[in-house]
Amino acid sequence: MHMGDLSKRLANLGNEHRELEVAITALLSSHDHDELQLRRLKKTKLLLRDEIEMVKDLLQPDIIA
């Protein structure tokens, strides 16, 4: 993947992560929220966070001198 592609992927992942945060907050604010759906959203959000970190590492690898 090229750096431009990785940057676009990172931006898309960030947007998805923020959208999930909004969805989770909205679900929590409802009085009778579905716990299973909430757990699935949170798990997806964590997976996105892991992928975001992986793409960040590809864009700026650690260089040990």
PDB file of N, CA and C in Angstrom:
ATOM      1  N   MET A   1       0.828  -1.179   0.000  1.00  0.00           N
ATOM      2  CA  MET A   1       0.000   0.000   0.000  1.00  0.00           C
ATOM      3  C   MET A   1       0.874   1.244   0.000  1.00  0.00           C
ATOM      4  N   HIS A   2       0.456   2.236  -0.720  1.00  0.00           N
ATOM      5  CA  HIS A   2       1.173   3.505  -0.758  1.00  0.00           C
ATOM      6  C   HIS A   2       0.816   4.350   0.460  1.00  0.00           C
ATOM      7  N   MET A   3       1.657   5.322   0.739  1.00  0.00           N
ATOM      8  CA  MET A   3       1.433   6.193   1.904  1.00  0.00           C
ATOM      9  C   MET A   3       0.107   6.937   1.790  1.00  0.00           C
ATOM     10  N   GLY A   4      -0.242   7.385   0.582  1.00  0.00           N
ATOM     11  CA  GLY A   4      -1.512   8.079   0.381  1.00  0.00           C
ATOM     12  C   GLY A   4      -2.691   7.177   0.682  1.00  0.00           C
ATOM     13  N   ASP A   5      -2.599   5.918   0.250  1.00  0.00           N
ATOM     14  CA  ASP A   5      -3.657   4.944   0.527  1.00  0.00           C
ATOM     15  C   ASP A   5      -3.788   4.696   2.024  1.00  0.00           C
ATOM     16  N   LEU A   6      -2.645   4.599   2.697  1.00  0.00           N
ATOM     17  CA  LEU A   6      -2.660   4.374   4.146  1.00  0.00           C
ATOM     18  C   LEU A   6      -3.267   5.570   4.875  1.00  0.00           C
ATOM     19  N   SER A   7      -2.942   6.764   4.413  1.00  0.00           N
ATOM     20  CA  SER A   7      -3.498   7.969   5.041  1.00  0.00           C
ATOM     21  C   SER A   7      -5.010   8.018   4.871  1.00  0.00           C
ATOM     22  N   LYS A   8      -5.490   7.667   3.681  1.00  0.00           N
ATOM     23  CA  LYS A   8      -6.939   7.624   3.437  1.00  0.00           C
ATOM     24  C   LYS A   8      -7.592   6.566   4.310  1.00  0.00           C
ATOM     25  N   ARG A   9      -6.953   5.404   4.416  1.00  0.00           N
ATOM     26  CA  ARG A   9      -7.484   4.320   5.246  1.00  0.00           C
ATOM     27  C   ARG A   9      -7.559   4.766   6.697  1.00  0.00           C
ATOM     28  N   LEU A  10      -6.532   5.457   7.161  1.00  0.00           N
ATOM     29  CA  LEU A  10      -6.508   5.940   8.537  1.00  0.00           C
ATOM     30  C   LEU A  10      -7.650   6.926   8.780  1.00  0.00           C
ATOM     31  N   ALA A  11      -7.875   7.820   7.828  1.00  0.00           N
ATOM     32  CA  ALA A  11      -8.963   8.789   7.963  1.00  0.00           C
ATOM     33  C   ALA A  11     -10.319   8.082   8.004  1.00  0.00           C
ATOM     34  N   ASN A  12     -10.504   7.096   7.137  1.00  0.00           N
ATOM     35  CA  ASN A  12     -11.763   6.338   7.113  1.00  0.00           C
ATOM     36  C   ASN A  12     -11.985   5.578   8.414  1.00  0.00           C
ATOM     37  N   LEU A  13     -10.936   4.966   8.911  1.00  0.00           N
ATOM     38  CA  LEU A  13     -11.047   4.242  10.183  1.00  0.00           C
ATOM     39  C   LEU A  13     -11.385   5.189  11.321  1.00  0.00           C
ATOM     40  N   GLY A  14     -10.774   6.362  11.321  1.00  0.00           N
ATOM     41  CA  GLY A  14     -11.070   7.354  12.347  1.00  0.00           C
ATOM     42  C   GLY A  14     -12.530   7.783  12.299  1.00  0.00           C
ATOM     43  N   ASN A  15     -13.053   7.973  11.089  1.00  0.00           N
ATOM     44  CA  ASN A  15     -14.467   8.341  10.945  1.00  0.00           C
ATOM     45  C   ASN A  15     -15.380   7.236  11.464  1.00  0.00           C
ATOM     46  N   GLU A  16     -15.069   6.000  11.097  1.00  0.00           N
ATOM     47  CA  GLU A  16     -15.876   4.867  11.564  1.00  0.00           C
ATOM     48  C   GLU A  16     -15.843   4.779  13.088  1.00  0.00           C
ATOM     49  N   HIS A  17     -14.675   5.000  13.671  1.00  0.00           N
ATOM     50  CA  HIS A  17     -14.502   4.937  15.126  1.00  0.00           C
ATOM     51  C   HIS A  17     -15.370   5.994  15.806  1.00  0.00           C
ATOM     52  N   ARG A  18     -15.353   7.223  15.266  1.00  0.00           N
ATOM     53  CA  ARG A  18     -16.170   8.299  15.834  1.00  0.00           C
ATOM     54  C   ARG A  18     -17.660   8.003  15.689  1.00  0.00           C
ATOM     55  N   GLU A  19     -18.054   7.455  14.540  1.00  0.00           N
ATOM     56  CA  GLU A  19     -19.462   7.104  14.325  1.00  0.00           C
ATOM     57  C   GLU A  19     -19.921   6.041  15.318  1.00  0.00           C
ATOM     58  N   LEU A  20     -19.056   5.079  15.595  1.00  0.00           N
ATOM     59  CA  LEU A  20     -19.394   4.054  16.583  1.00  0.00           C
ATOM     60  C   LEU A  20     -19.527   4.658  17.973  1.00  0.00           C
ATOM     61  N   GLU A  21     -18.669   5.612  18.302  1.00  0.00           N
ATOM     62  CA  GLU A  21     -18.759   6.284  19.600  1.00  0.00           C
ATOM     63  C   GLU A  21     -20.103   6.987  19.742  1.00  0.00           C
ATOM     64  N   VAL A  22     -20.540   7.649  18.681  1.00  0.00           N
ATOM     65  CA  VAL A  22     -21.836   8.328  18.696  1.00  0.00           C
ATOM     66  C   VAL A  22     -22.959   7.302  18.863  1.00  0.00           C
ATOM     67  N   ALA A  23     -22.869   6.190  18.138  1.00  0.00           N
ATOM     68  CA  ALA A  23     -23.898   5.153  18.230  1.00  0.00           C
ATOM     69  C   ALA A  23     -23.950   4.543  19.630  1.00  0.00           C
ATOM     70  N   ILE A  24     -22.785   4.311  20.221  1.00  0.00           N
ATOM     71  CA  ILE A  24     -22.725   3.742  21.570  1.00  0.00           C
ATOM     72  C   ILE A  24     -23.329   4.714  22.579  1.00  0.00           C
ATOM     73  N   THR A  25     -22.981   5.982  22.457  1.00  0.00           N
ATOM     74  CA  THR A  25     -23.521   6.998  23.367  1.00  0.00           C
ATOM     75  C   THR A  25     -25.038   7.084  23.241  1.00  0.00           C
ATOM     76  N   ALA A  26     -25.535   7.061  22.012  1.00  0.00           N
ATOM     77  CA  ALA A  26     -26.984   7.119  21.790  1.00  0.00           C
ATOM     78  C   ALA A  26     -27.670   5.891  22.377  1.00  0.00           C
ATOM     79  N   LEU A  27     -27.069   4.732  22.189  1.00  0.00           N
ATOM     80  CA  LEU A  27     -27.652   3.500  22.717  1.00  0.00           C
ATOM     81  C   LEU A  27     -27.679   3.523  24.248  1.00  0.00           C
ATOM     82  N   LEU A  28     -26.602   4.017  24.841  1.00  0.00           N
ATOM     83  CA  LEU A  28     -26.552   4.085  26.300  1.00  0.00           C
ATOM     84  C   LEU A  28     -27.562   5.079  26.868  1.00  0.00           C
ATOM     85  N   SER A  29     -27.881   6.103  26.108  1.00  0.00           N
ATOM     86  CA  SER A  29     -28.820   7.103  26.612  1.00  0.00           C
ATOM     87  C   SER A  29     -30.272   6.620  26.573  1.00  0.00           C
ATOM     88  N   SER A  30     -30.531   5.583  25.781  1.00  0.00           N
ATOM     89  CA  SER A  30     -31.888   5.029  25.780  1.00  0.00           C
ATOM     90  C   SER A  30     -32.072   4.186  27.039  1.00  0.00           C
ATOM     91  N   HIS A  31     -33.262   4.218  27.582  1.00  0.00           N
ATOM     92  CA  HIS A  31     -33.511   3.545  28.860  1.00  0.00           C
ATOM     93  C   HIS A  31     -33.528   2.027  28.749  1.00  0.00           C
ATOM     94  N   ASP A  32     -33.907   1.525  27.616  1.00  0.00           N
ATOM     95  CA  ASP A  32     -33.997   0.064  27.454  1.00  0.00           C
ATOM     96  C   ASP A  32     -33.098  -0.397  26.313  1.00  0.00           C
ATOM     97  N   HIS A  33     -31.779  -0.162  26.476  1.00  0.00           N
ATOM     98  CA  HIS A  33     -30.847  -0.528  25.417  1.00  0.00           C
ATOM     99  C   HIS A  33     -30.553  -2.026  25.415  1.00  0.00           C
ATOM    100  N   ASP A  34     -30.184  -2.510  24.261  1.00  0.00           N
ATOM    101  CA  ASP A  34     -29.875  -3.916  24.046  1.00  0.00           C
ATOM    102  C   ASP A  34     -28.410  -4.167  24.422  1.00  0.00           C
ATOM    103  N   GLU A  35     -28.190  -4.929  25.469  1.00  0.00           N
ATOM    104  CA  GLU A  35     -26.833  -5.194  25.955  1.00  0.00           C
ATOM    105  C   GLU A  35     -25.980  -5.922  24.916  1.00  0.00           C
ATOM    106  N   LEU A  36     -26.572  -6.850  24.189  1.00  0.00           N
ATOM    107  CA  LEU A  36     -25.819  -7.594  23.181  1.00  0.00           C
ATOM    108  C   LEU A  36     -25.354  -6.651  22.071  1.00  0.00           C
ATOM    109  N   GLN A  37     -26.238  -5.796  21.616  1.00  0.00           N
ATOM    110  CA  GLN A  37     -25.872  -4.831  20.586  1.00  0.00           C
ATOM    111  C   GLN A  37     -24.784  -3.889  21.097  1.00  0.00           C
ATOM    112  N   LEU A  38     -24.902  -3.473  22.342  1.00  0.00           N
ATOM    113  CA  LEU A  38     -23.904  -2.591  22.938  1.00  0.00           C
ATOM    114  C   LEU A  38     -22.536  -3.270  22.978  1.00  0.00           C
ATOM    115  N   ARG A  39     -22.503  -4.522  23.396  1.00  0.00           N
ATOM    116  CA  ARG A  39     -21.240  -5.264  23.437  1.00  0.00           C
ATOM    117  C   ARG A  39     -20.631  -5.414  22.051  1.00  0.00           C
ATOM    118  N   ARG A  40     -21.478  -5.669  21.057  1.00  0.00           N
ATOM    119  CA  ARG A  40     -20.980  -5.811  19.680  1.00  0.00           C
ATOM    120  C   ARG A  40     -20.388  -4.503  19.175  1.00  0.00           C
ATOM    121  N   LEU A  41     -21.062  -3.394  19.452  1.00  0.00           N
ATOM    122  CA  LEU A  41     -20.551  -2.092  19.023  1.00  0.00           C
ATOM    123  C   LEU A  41     -19.222  -1.779  19.693  1.00  0.00           C
ATOM    124  N   LYS A  42     -19.134  -2.069  20.985  1.00  0.00           N
ATOM    125  CA  LYS A  42     -17.889  -1.808  21.709  1.00  0.00           C
ATOM    126  C   LYS A  42     -16.749  -2.682  21.192  1.00  0.00           C
ATOM    127  N   LYS A  43     -17.046  -3.936  20.882  1.00  0.00           N
ATOM    128  CA  LYS A  43     -16.020  -4.832  20.352  1.00  0.00           C
ATOM    129  C   LYS A  43     -15.542  -4.354  18.990  1.00  0.00           C
ATOM    130  N   THR A  44     -16.476  -3.941  18.152  1.00  0.00           N
ATOM    131  CA  THR A  44     -16.122  -3.412  16.836  1.00  0.00           C
ATOM    132  C   THR A  44     -15.268  -2.162  16.978  1.00  0.00           C
ATOM    133  N   LYS A  45     -15.618  -1.311  17.924  1.00  0.00           N
ATOM    134  CA  LYS A  45     -14.860  -0.086  18.165  1.00  0.00           C
ATOM    135  C   LYS A  45     -13.424  -0.420  18.585  1.00  0.00           C
ATOM    136  N   LEU A  46     -13.259  -1.420  19.434  1.00  0.00           N
ATOM    137  CA  LEU A  46     -11.913  -1.829  19.855  1.00  0.00           C
ATOM    138  C   LEU A  46     -11.110  -2.406  18.693  1.00  0.00           C
ATOM    139  N   LEU A  47     -11.767  -3.179  17.838  1.00  0.00           N
ATOM    140  CA  LEU A  47     -11.086  -3.727  16.662  1.00  0.00           C
ATOM    141  C   LEU A  47     -10.636  -2.607  15.728  1.00  0.00           C
ATOM    142  N   LEU A  48     -11.487  -1.598  15.570  1.00  0.00           N
ATOM    143  CA  LEU A  48     -11.112  -0.447  14.749  1.00  0.00           C
ATOM    144  C   LEU A  48      -9.915   0.281  15.350  1.00  0.00           C
ATOM    145  N   ARG A  49      -9.929   0.419  16.661  1.00  0.00           N
ATOM    146  CA  ARG A  49      -8.807   1.089  17.327  1.00  0.00           C
ATOM    147  C   ARG A  49      -7.498   0.332  17.083  1.00  0.00           C
ATOM    148  N   ASP A  50      -7.560  -0.990  17.154  1.00  0.00           N
ATOM    149  CA  ASP A  50      -6.374  -1.802  16.883  1.00  0.00           C
ATOM    150  C   ASP A  50      -5.892  -1.598  15.448  1.00  0.00           C
ATOM    151  N   GLU A  51      -6.835  -1.564  14.509  1.00  0.00           N
ATOM    152  CA  GLU A  51      -6.459  -1.367  13.108  1.00  0.00           C
ATOM    153  C   GLU A  51      -5.887   0.031  12.885  1.00  0.00           C
ATOM    154  N   ILE A  52      -6.458   1.028  13.567  1.00  0.00           N
ATOM    155  CA  ILE A  52      -5.930   2.390  13.476  1.00  0.00           C
ATOM    156  C   ILE A  52      -4.479   2.412  13.937  1.00  0.00           C
ATOM    157  N   GLU A  53      -4.191   1.763  15.037  1.00  0.00           N
ATOM    158  CA  GLU A  53      -2.820   1.727  15.556  1.00  0.00           C
ATOM    159  C   GLU A  53      -1.886   1.006  14.588  1.00  0.00           C
ATOM    160  N   MET A  54      -2.371  -0.052  13.958  1.00  0.00           N
ATOM    161  CA  MET A  54      -1.563  -0.800  13.010  1.00  0.00           C
ATOM    162  C   MET A  54      -1.212   0.073  11.799  1.00  0.00           C
ATOM    163  N   VAL A  55      -2.196   0.820  11.291  1.00  0.00           N
ATOM    164  CA  VAL A  55      -1.949   1.695  10.144  1.00  0.00           C
ATOM    165  C   VAL A  55      -1.004   2.828  10.545  1.00  0.00           C
ATOM    166  N   LYS A  56      -1.175   3.372  11.744  1.00  0.00           N
ATOM    167  CA  LYS A  56      -0.272   4.415  12.227  1.00  0.00           C
ATOM    168  C   LYS A  56       1.161   3.898  12.282  1.00  0.00           C
ATOM    169  N   ASP A  57       1.331   2.657  12.733  1.00  0.00           N
ATOM    170  CA  ASP A  57       2.667   2.055  12.795  1.00  0.00           C
ATOM    171  C   ASP A  57       3.265   1.903  11.407  1.00  0.00           C
ATOM    172  N   LEU A  58       2.430   1.590  10.415  1.00  0.00           N
ATOM    173  CA  LEU A  58       2.929   1.480   9.043  1.00  0.00           C
ATOM    174  C   LEU A  58       3.351   2.834   8.487  1.00  0.00           C
ATOM    175  N   LEU A  59       2.630   3.870   8.881  1.00  0.00           N
ATOM    176  CA  LEU A  59       2.952   5.215   8.414  1.00  0.00           C
ATOM    177  C   LEU A  59       4.178   5.786   9.108  1.00  0.00           C
ATOM    178  N   GLN A  60       4.344   5.453  10.392  1.00  0.00           N
ATOM    179  CA  GLN A  60       5.487   5.966  11.166  1.00  0.00           C
ATOM    180  C   GLN A  60       6.103   4.835  11.960  1.00  0.00           C
ATOM    181  N   PRO A  61       6.880   3.996  11.304  1.00  0.00           N
ATOM    182  CA  PRO A  61       7.460   2.856  12.024  1.00  0.00           C
ATOM    183  C   PRO A  61       8.472   3.309  13.068  1.00  0.00           C
ATOM    184  N   ASP A  62       8.565   2.535  14.140  1.00  0.00           N
ATOM    185  CA  ASP A  62       9.569   2.795  15.182  1.00  0.00           C
ATOM    186  C   ASP A  62      10.931   2.406  14.634  1.00  0.00           C
ATOM    187  N   ILE A  63      11.858   3.324  14.740  1.00  0.00           N
ATOM    188  CA  ILE A  63      13.211   3.033  14.282  1.00  0.00           C
ATOM    189  C   ILE A  63      14.118   2.972  15.506  1.00  0.00           C
ATOM    190  N   ILE A  64      14.645   1.800  15.745  1.00  0.00           N
ATOM    191  CA  ILE A  64      15.523   1.608  16.901  1.00  0.00           C
ATOM    192  C   ILE A  64      16.954   1.734  16.398  1.00  0.00           C
ATOM    193  N   ALA A  65      17.670   2.694  16.948  1.00  0.00           N
ATOM    194  CA  ALA A  65      19.036   2.930  16.500  1.00  0.00           C
ATOM    195  C   ALA A  65      20.020   2.191  17.369  1.00  0.00           C
TER     196      ALA A  65
END
